[in-house]
Amino acid sequence: MNLRDILYFVIALIIAIILTQVFIWMLPIVILIIVTVIAYYFLKNWFDEKRYQY
């Protein structure tokens, strides 16, 4: 391994650590958005069914 390969490896490692930290930080937000979308569609369908029953 020459110096350039070591430099590329260190840069790739830093990028991987940054992406992992961003993913861990964004994970609760992504889960919250998914739960919100599921609840929105569930409530929308439920209210539509209630409205058309009359």
PDB file of N, CA and C in Angstrom:
ATOM      1  N   MET A   1       0.848  -1.189   0.000  1.00  0.00           N
ATOM      2  CA  MET A   1       0.000   0.000   0.000  1.00  0.00           C
ATOM      3  C   MET A   1       0.888   1.245   0.000  1.00  0.00           C
ATOM      4  N   ASN A   2       0.612   2.102  -0.934  1.00  0.00           N
ATOM      5  CA  ASN A   2       1.357   3.354  -0.927  1.00  0.00           C
ATOM      6  C   ASN A   2       0.555   4.422  -0.195  1.00  0.00           C
ATOM      7  N   LEU A   3       1.090   5.614  -0.154  1.00  0.00           N
ATOM      8  CA  LEU A   3       0.488   6.681   0.634  1.00  0.00           C
ATOM      9  C   LEU A   3      -0.887   7.076   0.113  1.00  0.00           C
ATOM     10  N   ARG A   4      -1.076   7.021  -1.208  1.00  0.00           N
ATOM     11  CA  ARG A   4      -2.366   7.423  -1.783  1.00  0.00           C
ATOM     12  C   ARG A   4      -3.474   6.451  -1.376  1.00  0.00           C
ATOM     13  N   ASP A   5      -3.169   5.158  -1.357  1.00  0.00           N
ATOM     14  CA  ASP A   5      -4.177   4.178  -0.930  1.00  0.00           C
ATOM     15  C   ASP A   5      -4.569   4.386   0.532  1.00  0.00           C
ATOM     16  N   ILE A   6      -3.597   4.677   1.375  1.00  0.00           N
ATOM     17  CA  ILE A   6      -3.891   4.926   2.788  1.00  0.00           C
ATOM     18  C   ILE A   6      -4.740   6.182   2.931  1.00  0.00           C
ATOM     19  N   LEU A   7      -4.423   7.213   2.152  1.00  0.00           N
ATOM     20  CA  LEU A   7      -5.196   8.454   2.204  1.00  0.00           C
ATOM     21  C   LEU A   7      -6.638   8.214   1.761  1.00  0.00           C
ATOM     22  N   TYR A   8      -6.822   7.454   0.664  1.00  0.00           N
ATOM     23  CA  TYR A   8      -8.182   7.133   0.209  1.00  0.00           C
ATOM     24  C   TYR A   8      -8.945   6.342   1.266  1.00  0.00           C
ATOM     25  N   PHE A   9      -8.256   5.407   1.929  1.00  0.00           N
ATOM     26  CA  PHE A   9      -8.905   4.603   2.958  1.00  0.00           C
ATOM     27  C   PHE A   9      -9.344   5.470   4.133  1.00  0.00           C
ATOM     28  N   VAL A  10      -8.493   6.408   4.543  1.00  0.00           N
ATOM     29  CA  VAL A  10      -8.830   7.293   5.665  1.00  0.00           C
ATOM     30  C   VAL A  10     -10.005   8.191   5.289  1.00  0.00           C
ATOM     31  N   ILE A  11     -10.007   8.731   4.060  1.00  0.00           N
ATOM     32  CA  ILE A  11     -11.114   9.584   3.615  1.00  0.00           C
ATOM     33  C   ILE A  11     -12.414   8.783   3.557  1.00  0.00           C
ATOM     34  N   ALA A  12     -12.360   7.554   3.038  1.00  0.00           N
ATOM     35  CA  ALA A  12     -13.553   6.706   2.976  1.00  0.00           C
ATOM     36  C   ALA A  12     -14.056   6.380   4.382  1.00  0.00           C
ATOM     37  N   LEU A  13     -13.153   6.167   5.311  1.00  0.00           N
ATOM     38  CA  LEU A  13     -13.539   5.878   6.692  1.00  0.00           C
ATOM     39  C   LEU A  13     -14.221   7.084   7.331  1.00  0.00           C
ATOM     40  N   ILE A  14     -13.687   8.274   7.095  1.00  0.00           N
ATOM     41  CA  ILE A  14     -14.298   9.492   7.643  1.00  0.00           C
ATOM     42  C   ILE A  14     -15.691   9.695   7.055  1.00  0.00           C
ATOM     43  N   ILE A  15     -15.840   9.490   5.747  1.00  0.00           N
ATOM     44  CA  ILE A  15     -17.153   9.643   5.107  1.00  0.00           C
ATOM     45  C   ILE A  15     -18.144   8.624   5.665  1.00  0.00           C
ATOM     46  N   ALA A  16     -17.695   7.385   5.875  1.00  0.00           N
ATOM     47  CA  ALA A  16     -18.577   6.352   6.424  1.00  0.00           C
ATOM     48  C   ALA A  16     -19.015   6.703   7.844  1.00  0.00           C
ATOM     49  N   ILE A  17     -18.109   7.234   8.654  1.00  0.00           N
ATOM     50  CA  ILE A  17     -18.468   7.615  10.022  1.00  0.00           C
ATOM     51  C   ILE A  17     -19.473   8.758  10.007  1.00  0.00           C
ATOM     52  N   ILE A  18     -19.256   9.750   9.138  1.00  0.00           N
ATOM     53  CA  ILE A  18     -20.186  10.880   9.050  1.00  0.00           C
ATOM     54  C   ILE A  18     -21.568  10.406   8.607  1.00  0.00           C
ATOM     55  N   LEU A  19     -21.631   9.542   7.584  1.00  0.00           N
ATOM     56  CA  LEU A  19     -22.925   9.049   7.108  1.00  0.00           C
ATOM     57  C   LEU A  19     -23.632   8.226   8.178  1.00  0.00           C
ATOM     58  N   THR A  20     -22.870   7.430   8.932  1.00  0.00           N
ATOM     59  CA  THR A  20     -23.470   6.635  10.003  1.00  0.00           C
ATOM     60  C   THR A  20     -24.049   7.535  11.088  1.00  0.00           C
ATOM     61  N   GLN A  21     -23.315   8.581  11.456  1.00  0.00           N
ATOM     62  CA  GLN A  21     -23.815   9.505  12.475  1.00  0.00           C
ATOM     63  C   GLN A  21     -25.071  10.222  11.996  1.00  0.00           C
ATOM     64  N   VAL A  22     -25.089  10.646  10.735  1.00  0.00           N
ATOM     65  CA  VAL A  22     -26.267  11.322  10.182  1.00  0.00           C
ATOM     66  C   VAL A  22     -27.455  10.368  10.157  1.00  0.00           C
ATOM     67  N   PHE A  23     -27.214   9.087   9.779  1.00  0.00           N
ATOM     68  CA  PHE A  23     -28.298   8.110   9.742  1.00  0.00           C
ATOM     69  C   PHE A  23     -28.866   7.871  11.133  1.00  0.00           C
ATOM     70  N   ILE A  24     -27.985   7.743  12.135  1.00  0.00           N
ATOM     71  CA  ILE A  24     -28.456   7.512  13.504  1.00  0.00           C
ATOM     72  C   ILE A  24     -29.231   8.727  13.999  1.00  0.00           C
ATOM     73  N   TRP A  25     -28.784   9.935  13.620  1.00  0.00           N
ATOM     74  CA  TRP A  25     -29.471  11.145  14.058  1.00  0.00           C
ATOM     75  C   TRP A  25     -30.814  11.302  13.350  1.00  0.00           C
ATOM     76  N   MET A  26     -30.900  10.876  12.076  1.00  0.00           N
ATOM     77  CA  MET A  26     -32.126  11.045  11.299  1.00  0.00           C
ATOM     78  C   MET A  26     -33.138   9.930  11.540  1.00  0.00           C
ATOM     79  N   LEU A  27     -32.728   8.825  12.141  1.00  0.00           N
ATOM     80  CA  LEU A  27     -33.611   7.664  12.278  1.00  0.00           C
ATOM     81  C   LEU A  27     -34.902   7.979  13.045  1.00  0.00           C
ATOM     82  N   PRO A  28     -34.880   8.666  14.187  1.00  0.00           N
ATOM     83  CA  PRO A  28     -36.156   8.983  14.853  1.00  0.00           C
ATOM     84  C   PRO A  28     -37.065   9.865  14.008  1.00  0.00           C
ATOM     85  N   ILE A  29     -36.477  10.787  13.257  1.00  0.00           N
ATOM     86  CA  ILE A  29     -37.282  11.668  12.408  1.00  0.00           C
ATOM     87  C   ILE A  29     -37.948  10.862  11.298  1.00  0.00           C
ATOM     88  N   VAL A  30     -37.202   9.930  10.693  1.00  0.00           N
ATOM     89  CA  VAL A  30     -37.761   9.099   9.618  1.00  0.00           C
ATOM     90  C   VAL A  30     -38.884   8.221  10.162  1.00  0.00           C
ATOM     91  N   ILE A  31     -38.686   7.621  11.333  1.00  0.00           N
ATOM     92  CA  ILE A  31     -39.731   6.780  11.938  1.00  0.00           C
ATOM     93  C   ILE A  31     -40.966   7.617  12.248  1.00  0.00           C
ATOM     94  N   LEU A  32     -40.769   8.834  12.750  1.00  0.00           N
ATOM     95  CA  LEU A  32     -41.891   9.719  13.047  1.00  0.00           C
ATOM     96  C   LEU A  32     -42.670  10.064  11.786  1.00  0.00           C
ATOM     97  N   ILE A  33     -41.964  10.340  10.690  1.00  0.00           N
ATOM     98  CA  ILE A  33     -42.638  10.670   9.431  1.00  0.00           C
ATOM     99  C   ILE A  33     -43.426   9.466   8.917  1.00  0.00           C
ATOM    100  N   ILE A  34     -42.852   8.264   8.999  1.00  0.00           N
ATOM    101  CA  ILE A  34     -43.542   7.062   8.517  1.00  0.00           C
ATOM    102  C   ILE A  34     -44.807   6.808   9.337  1.00  0.00           C
ATOM    103  N   VAL A  35     -44.716   6.924  10.665  1.00  0.00           N
ATOM    104  CA  VAL A  35     -45.887   6.709  11.521  1.00  0.00           C
ATOM    105  C   VAL A  35     -46.952   7.755  11.236  1.00  0.00           C
ATOM    106  N   THR A  36     -46.532   8.998  11.002  1.00  0.00           N
ATOM    107  CA  THR A  36     -47.492  10.060  10.696  1.00  0.00           C
ATOM    108  C   THR A  36     -48.222   9.789   9.393  1.00  0.00           C
ATOM    109  N   VAL A  37     -47.504   9.336   8.369  1.00  0.00           N
ATOM    110  CA  VAL A  37     -48.138   9.051   7.079  1.00  0.00           C
ATOM    111  C   VAL A  37     -49.118   7.889   7.214  1.00  0.00           C
ATOM    112  N   ILE A  38     -48.732   6.833   7.938  1.00  0.00           N
ATOM    113  CA  ILE A  38     -49.626   5.688   8.123  1.00  0.00           C
ATOM    114  C   ILE A  38     -50.882   6.110   8.882  1.00  0.00           C
ATOM    115  N   ALA A  39     -50.716   6.907   9.940  1.00  0.00           N
ATOM    116  CA  ALA A  39     -51.876   7.370  10.706  1.00  0.00           C
ATOM    117  C   ALA A  39     -52.763   8.266   9.856  1.00  0.00           C
ATOM    118  N   TYR A  40     -52.162   9.091   9.014  1.00  0.00           N
ATOM    119  CA  TYR A  40     -52.944   9.979   8.144  1.00  0.00           C
ATOM    120  C   TYR A  40     -53.819   9.172   7.194  1.00  0.00           C
ATOM    121  N   TYR A  41     -53.235   8.167   6.522  1.00  0.00           N
ATOM    122  CA  TYR A  41     -54.028   7.364   5.589  1.00  0.00           C
ATOM    123  C   TYR A  41     -55.091   6.552   6.316  1.00  0.00           C
ATOM    124  N   PHE A  42     -54.759   6.038   7.503  1.00  0.00           N
ATOM    125  CA  PHE A  42     -55.733   5.263   8.265  1.00  0.00           C
ATOM    126  C   PHE A  42     -56.921   6.135   8.664  1.00  0.00           C
ATOM    127  N   LEU A  43     -56.641   7.317   9.210  1.00  0.00           N
ATOM    128  CA  LEU A  43     -57.728   8.204   9.633  1.00  0.00           C
ATOM    129  C   LEU A  43     -58.522   8.719   8.441  1.00  0.00           C
ATOM    130  N   LYS A  44     -57.841   8.982   7.330  1.00  0.00           N
ATOM    131  CA  LYS A  44     -58.536   9.473   6.141  1.00  0.00           C
ATOM    132  C   LYS A  44     -59.509   8.416   5.621  1.00  0.00           C
ATOM    133  N   ASN A  45     -59.056   7.172   5.542  1.00  0.00           N
ATOM    134  CA  ASN A  45     -59.938   6.101   5.083  1.00  0.00           C
ATOM    135  C   ASN A  45     -61.076   5.867   6.072  1.00  0.00           C
ATOM    136  N   TRP A  46     -60.790   5.960   7.362  1.00  0.00           N
ATOM    137  CA  TRP A  46     -61.813   5.723   8.372  1.00  0.00           C
ATOM    138  C   TRP A  46     -62.894   6.801   8.313  1.00  0.00           C
ATOM    139  N   PHE A  47     -62.491   8.066   8.179  1.00  0.00           N
ATOM    140  CA  PHE A  47     -63.481   9.142   8.088  1.00  0.00           C
ATOM    141  C   PHE A  47     -64.263   9.068   6.782  1.00  0.00           C
ATOM    142  N   ASP A  48     -63.612   8.653   5.682  1.00  0.00           N
ATOM    143  CA  ASP A  48     -64.337   8.509   4.418  1.00  0.00           C
ATOM    144  C   ASP A  48     -65.389   7.412   4.521  1.00  0.00           C
ATOM    145  N   GLU A  49     -65.047   6.299   5.184  1.00  0.00           N
ATOM    146  CA  GLU A  49     -66.030   5.227   5.352  1.00  0.00           C
ATOM    147  C   GLU A  49     -67.189   5.680   6.230  1.00  0.00           C
ATOM    148  N   LYS A  50     -66.905   6.423   7.281  1.00  0.00           N
ATOM    149  CA  LYS A  50     -67.969   6.916   8.158  1.00  0.00           C
ATOM    150  C   LYS A  50     -68.882   7.892   7.420  1.00  0.00           C
ATOM    151  N   ARG A  51     -68.312   8.694   6.548  1.00  0.00           N
ATOM    152  CA  ARG A  51     -69.105   9.698   5.849  1.00  0.00           C
ATOM    153  C   ARG A  51     -70.045   9.040   4.845  1.00  0.00           C
ATOM    154  N   TYR A  52     -69.588   7.970   4.197  1.00  0.00           N
ATOM    155  CA  TYR A  52     -70.421   7.347   3.165  1.00  0.00           C
ATOM    156  C   TYR A  52     -71.423   6.348   3.735  1.00  0.00           C
ATOM    157  N   GLN A  53     -71.398   6.089   5.040  1.00  0.00           N
ATOM    158  CA  GLN A  53     -72.365   5.155   5.608  1.00  0.00           C
ATOM    159  C   GLN A  53     -73.754   5.771   5.700  1.00  0.00           C
ATOM    160  N   TYR A  54     -73.844   7.067   5.825  1.00  0.00           N
ATOM    161  CA  TYR A  54     -75.151   7.711   6.022  1.00  0.00           C
ATOM    162  C   TYR A  54     -75.927   7.811   4.734  1.00  0.00           C
TER     163      TYR A  54
END
